């Protein structure tokens, strides 16, 4: 679970439920947010992106290690 200010985010896995798709909220999340049966909730969906194909399109003479070192230096 992730906490951003007063907001709580949780990573959920979509599962098949009959002819539909659904997610199950973890007990800790339900308890913390005081979610009750038949209560309406609003959910914002952010799909995890697969960015591996992006790396194949970038053309550079820089080695992977040199790039990682450059990024690490930028975080200091």
N, C-alpha and C. Protein backbone atom coordinates (compact mmCIF):
# COMPACT_ATOMS: atom_id res chain seq x y z
N UNK A 1 0.83 -1.18 0.00
CA UNK A 1 0.00 0.00 0.00
C UNK A 1 0.87 1.24 0.00
N UNK A 2 0.37 2.27 -0.61
CA UNK A 2 1.10 3.51 -0.72
C UNK A 2 0.28 4.63 -0.10
N UNK A 3 0.94 5.50 0.63
CA UNK A 3 0.26 6.64 1.24
C UNK A 3 0.79 7.91 0.61
N UNK A 4 -0.10 8.74 0.09
CA UNK A 4 0.27 10.02 -0.49
C UNK A 4 -0.56 11.07 0.22
N UNK A 5 0.05 11.75 1.17
CA UNK A 5 -0.70 12.71 1.98
C UNK A 5 -1.78 11.98 2.75
N UNK A 6 -3.03 12.38 2.56
CA UNK A 6 -4.15 11.75 3.23
C UNK A 6 -4.76 10.64 2.37
N UNK A 7 -4.20 10.41 1.19
CA UNK A 7 -4.74 9.43 0.26
C UNK A 7 -4.01 8.11 0.39
N UNK A 8 -4.71 7.04 0.17
CA UNK A 8 -4.10 5.71 0.23
C UNK A 8 -4.32 5.04 -1.12
N UNK A 9 -3.26 4.50 -1.68
CA UNK A 9 -3.36 3.75 -2.93
C UNK A 9 -3.03 2.29 -2.64
N UNK A 10 -3.64 1.41 -3.38
CA UNK A 10 -3.39 -0.01 -3.22
C UNK A 10 -3.30 -0.64 -4.61
N UNK A 11 -2.35 -1.55 -4.77
CA UNK A 11 -2.20 -2.25 -6.04
C UNK A 11 -3.12 -3.46 -6.02
N UNK A 12 -3.97 -3.56 -7.03
CA UNK A 12 -4.94 -4.65 -7.11
C UNK A 12 -4.73 -5.42 -8.41
N UNK A 13 -5.08 -6.69 -8.40
CA UNK A 13 -4.97 -7.53 -9.59
C UNK A 13 -6.39 -7.82 -10.08
N UNK A 14 -6.61 -7.60 -11.36
CA UNK A 14 -7.93 -7.84 -11.95
C UNK A 14 -8.13 -9.36 -12.10
N UNK A 15 -9.29 -9.83 -11.65
CA UNK A 15 -9.61 -11.26 -11.71
C UNK A 15 -10.95 -11.46 -12.42
N UNK A 16 -11.15 -12.64 -12.94
CA UNK A 16 -12.42 -12.97 -13.58
C UNK A 16 -13.41 -13.37 -12.49
N UNK A 17 -14.56 -12.71 -12.48
CA UNK A 17 -15.63 -13.00 -11.53
C UNK A 17 -16.89 -13.27 -12.34
N UNK A 18 -17.18 -14.53 -12.60
CA UNK A 18 -18.30 -14.89 -13.46
C UNK A 18 -18.00 -14.45 -14.88
N UNK A 19 -18.91 -13.67 -15.47
CA UNK A 19 -18.70 -13.14 -16.82
C UNK A 19 -18.08 -11.75 -16.79
N UNK A 20 -17.70 -11.29 -15.61
CA UNK A 20 -17.16 -9.94 -15.45
C UNK A 20 -15.72 -10.00 -14.96
N UNK A 21 -15.11 -8.83 -14.87
CA UNK A 21 -13.80 -8.69 -14.26
C UNK A 21 -13.97 -7.89 -12.98
N UNK A 22 -13.16 -8.17 -11.99
CA UNK A 22 -13.30 -7.44 -10.73
C UNK A 22 -11.99 -7.43 -9.96
N UNK A 23 -11.99 -6.67 -8.90
CA UNK A 23 -10.84 -6.61 -7.99
C UNK A 23 -11.35 -6.82 -6.57
N UNK A 24 -10.47 -7.30 -5.73
CA UNK A 24 -10.81 -7.52 -4.33
C UNK A 24 -9.90 -6.62 -3.50
N UNK A 25 -10.52 -5.79 -2.65
CA UNK A 25 -9.75 -4.89 -1.80
C UNK A 25 -9.20 -5.67 -0.61
N UNK A 26 -7.93 -5.46 -0.27
CA UNK A 26 -7.36 -6.12 0.91
C UNK A 26 -8.07 -5.67 2.19
N UNK A 27 -8.16 -6.56 3.16
CA UNK A 27 -8.85 -6.28 4.42
C UNK A 27 -8.31 -5.03 5.09
N UNK A 28 -6.99 -4.84 5.10
CA UNK A 28 -6.39 -3.66 5.75
C UNK A 28 -6.88 -2.37 5.10
N UNK A 29 -6.97 -2.37 3.78
CA UNK A 29 -7.45 -1.20 3.04
C UNK A 29 -8.90 -0.91 3.39
N UNK A 30 -9.74 -1.94 3.39
CA UNK A 30 -11.17 -1.79 3.70
C UNK A 30 -11.35 -1.26 5.12
N UNK A 31 -10.57 -1.80 6.05
CA UNK A 31 -10.67 -1.38 7.44
C UNK A 31 -10.22 0.08 7.61
N UNK A 32 -9.09 0.42 6.97
CA UNK A 32 -8.55 1.78 7.09
C UNK A 32 -9.50 2.82 6.49
N UNK A 33 -10.13 2.47 5.37
CA UNK A 33 -11.04 3.40 4.69
C UNK A 33 -12.48 3.27 5.16
N UNK A 34 -12.72 2.33 6.08
CA UNK A 34 -14.07 2.09 6.64
C UNK A 34 -15.12 1.86 5.54
N UNK A 35 -14.78 1.01 4.59
CA UNK A 35 -15.69 0.68 3.49
C UNK A 35 -16.68 -0.37 3.99
N UNK A 36 -17.95 -0.14 3.72
CA UNK A 36 -19.02 -1.03 4.18
C UNK A 36 -19.73 -1.66 2.97
N UNK A 37 -20.38 -2.77 3.21
CA UNK A 37 -21.11 -3.48 2.18
C UNK A 37 -22.18 -2.57 1.56
N UNK A 38 -22.31 -2.60 0.25
CA UNK A 38 -23.27 -1.82 -0.55
C UNK A 38 -23.01 -0.32 -0.53
N UNK A 39 -21.87 0.09 0.01
CA UNK A 39 -21.50 1.50 0.01
C UNK A 39 -20.89 1.85 -1.34
N UNK A 40 -21.19 3.03 -1.85
CA UNK A 40 -20.61 3.46 -3.13
C UNK A 40 -19.20 4.01 -2.88
N UNK A 41 -18.28 3.62 -3.76
CA UNK A 41 -16.91 4.14 -3.69
C UNK A 41 -16.50 4.57 -5.10
N UNK A 42 -15.61 5.52 -5.18
CA UNK A 42 -15.06 5.97 -6.46
C UNK A 42 -13.65 5.42 -6.58
N UNK A 43 -13.35 4.86 -7.74
CA UNK A 43 -12.06 4.23 -7.98
C UNK A 43 -11.42 4.89 -9.18
N UNK A 44 -10.16 5.29 -9.04
CA UNK A 44 -9.40 5.83 -10.17
C UNK A 44 -8.48 4.73 -10.66
N UNK A 45 -8.54 4.41 -11.92
CA UNK A 45 -7.77 3.30 -12.48
C UNK A 45 -6.56 3.86 -13.22
N UNK A 46 -5.39 3.36 -12.84
CA UNK A 46 -4.14 3.70 -13.53
C UNK A 46 -3.50 2.38 -13.93
N UNK A 47 -3.47 2.13 -15.21
CA UNK A 47 -2.95 0.86 -15.71
C UNK A 47 -1.43 0.88 -15.72
N UNK A 48 -0.84 -0.20 -15.23
CA UNK A 48 0.62 -0.33 -15.23
C UNK A 48 1.09 -0.39 -16.68
N UNK A 49 2.09 0.40 -17.00
CA UNK A 49 2.56 0.49 -18.38
C UNK A 49 3.79 -0.40 -18.59
N UNK A 50 3.85 -1.01 -19.75
CA UNK A 50 5.03 -1.79 -20.15
C UNK A 50 5.88 -0.90 -21.03
N UNK A 51 7.00 -0.42 -20.49
CA UNK A 51 7.84 0.52 -21.24
C UNK A 51 9.08 -0.16 -21.82
N UNK A 52 9.14 -1.49 -21.79
CA UNK A 52 10.32 -2.17 -22.30
C UNK A 52 10.54 -1.90 -23.78
N UNK A 53 9.47 -1.73 -24.55
CA UNK A 53 9.62 -1.47 -25.98
C UNK A 53 10.23 -0.10 -26.25
N UNK A 54 10.11 0.83 -25.31
CA UNK A 54 10.68 2.17 -25.48
C UNK A 54 12.19 2.09 -25.55
N UNK A 55 12.78 1.23 -24.73
CA UNK A 55 14.23 1.14 -24.69
C UNK A 55 14.82 0.63 -26.00
N UNK A 56 14.07 -0.15 -26.74
CA UNK A 56 14.56 -0.63 -28.05
C UNK A 56 14.57 0.48 -29.08
N UNK A 57 13.78 1.53 -28.88
CA UNK A 57 13.69 2.60 -29.87
C UNK A 57 14.71 3.70 -29.62
N UNK A 58 15.32 3.73 -28.44
CA UNK A 58 16.31 4.77 -28.14
C UNK A 58 17.67 4.37 -28.69
N UNK A 59 18.22 5.22 -29.51
CA UNK A 59 19.53 4.96 -30.11
C UNK A 59 20.55 5.85 -29.42
N UNK A 60 21.57 5.26 -28.81
CA UNK A 60 22.59 6.03 -28.12
C UNK A 60 23.90 5.25 -28.12
N UNK A 61 25.00 5.98 -28.03
CA UNK A 61 26.31 5.36 -27.93
C UNK A 61 26.68 5.11 -26.47
N UNK A 62 25.83 5.55 -25.56
CA UNK A 62 26.11 5.43 -24.13
C UNK A 62 25.81 4.01 -23.66
N UNK A 63 26.72 3.46 -22.86
CA UNK A 63 26.50 2.12 -22.31
C UNK A 63 25.42 2.19 -21.23
N UNK A 64 24.82 1.06 -20.92
CA UNK A 64 23.81 1.00 -19.89
C UNK A 64 24.35 1.44 -18.54
N UNK A 65 25.57 1.00 -18.21
CA UNK A 65 26.17 1.36 -16.93
C UNK A 65 26.43 2.86 -16.84
N UNK A 66 26.92 3.44 -17.94
CA UNK A 66 27.18 4.89 -17.94
C UNK A 66 25.87 5.66 -17.74
N UNK A 67 24.81 5.19 -18.37
CA UNK A 67 23.51 5.83 -18.22
C UNK A 67 23.02 5.73 -16.78
N UNK A 68 23.15 4.55 -16.15
CA UNK A 68 22.74 4.37 -14.76
C UNK A 68 23.53 5.30 -13.84
N UNK A 69 24.84 5.41 -14.07
CA UNK A 69 25.66 6.30 -13.26
C UNK A 69 25.22 7.76 -13.39
N UNK A 70 24.88 8.15 -14.62
CA UNK A 70 24.43 9.51 -14.87
C UNK A 70 23.11 9.79 -14.12
N UNK A 71 22.20 8.83 -14.16
CA UNK A 71 20.91 8.99 -13.47
C UNK A 71 21.13 9.07 -11.97
N UNK A 72 21.99 8.20 -11.44
CA UNK A 72 22.27 8.21 -10.00
C UNK A 72 22.85 9.56 -9.58
N UNK A 73 23.74 10.13 -10.39
CA UNK A 73 24.34 11.43 -10.07
C UNK A 73 23.27 12.51 -10.04
N UNK A 74 22.25 12.39 -10.87
CA UNK A 74 21.18 13.37 -10.92
C UNK A 74 20.31 13.33 -9.68
N UNK A 75 20.29 12.24 -8.93
CA UNK A 75 19.48 12.11 -7.72
C UNK A 75 20.17 12.70 -6.50
N UNK A 76 21.44 12.98 -6.60
CA UNK A 76 22.18 13.48 -5.43
C UNK A 76 21.90 14.93 -5.16
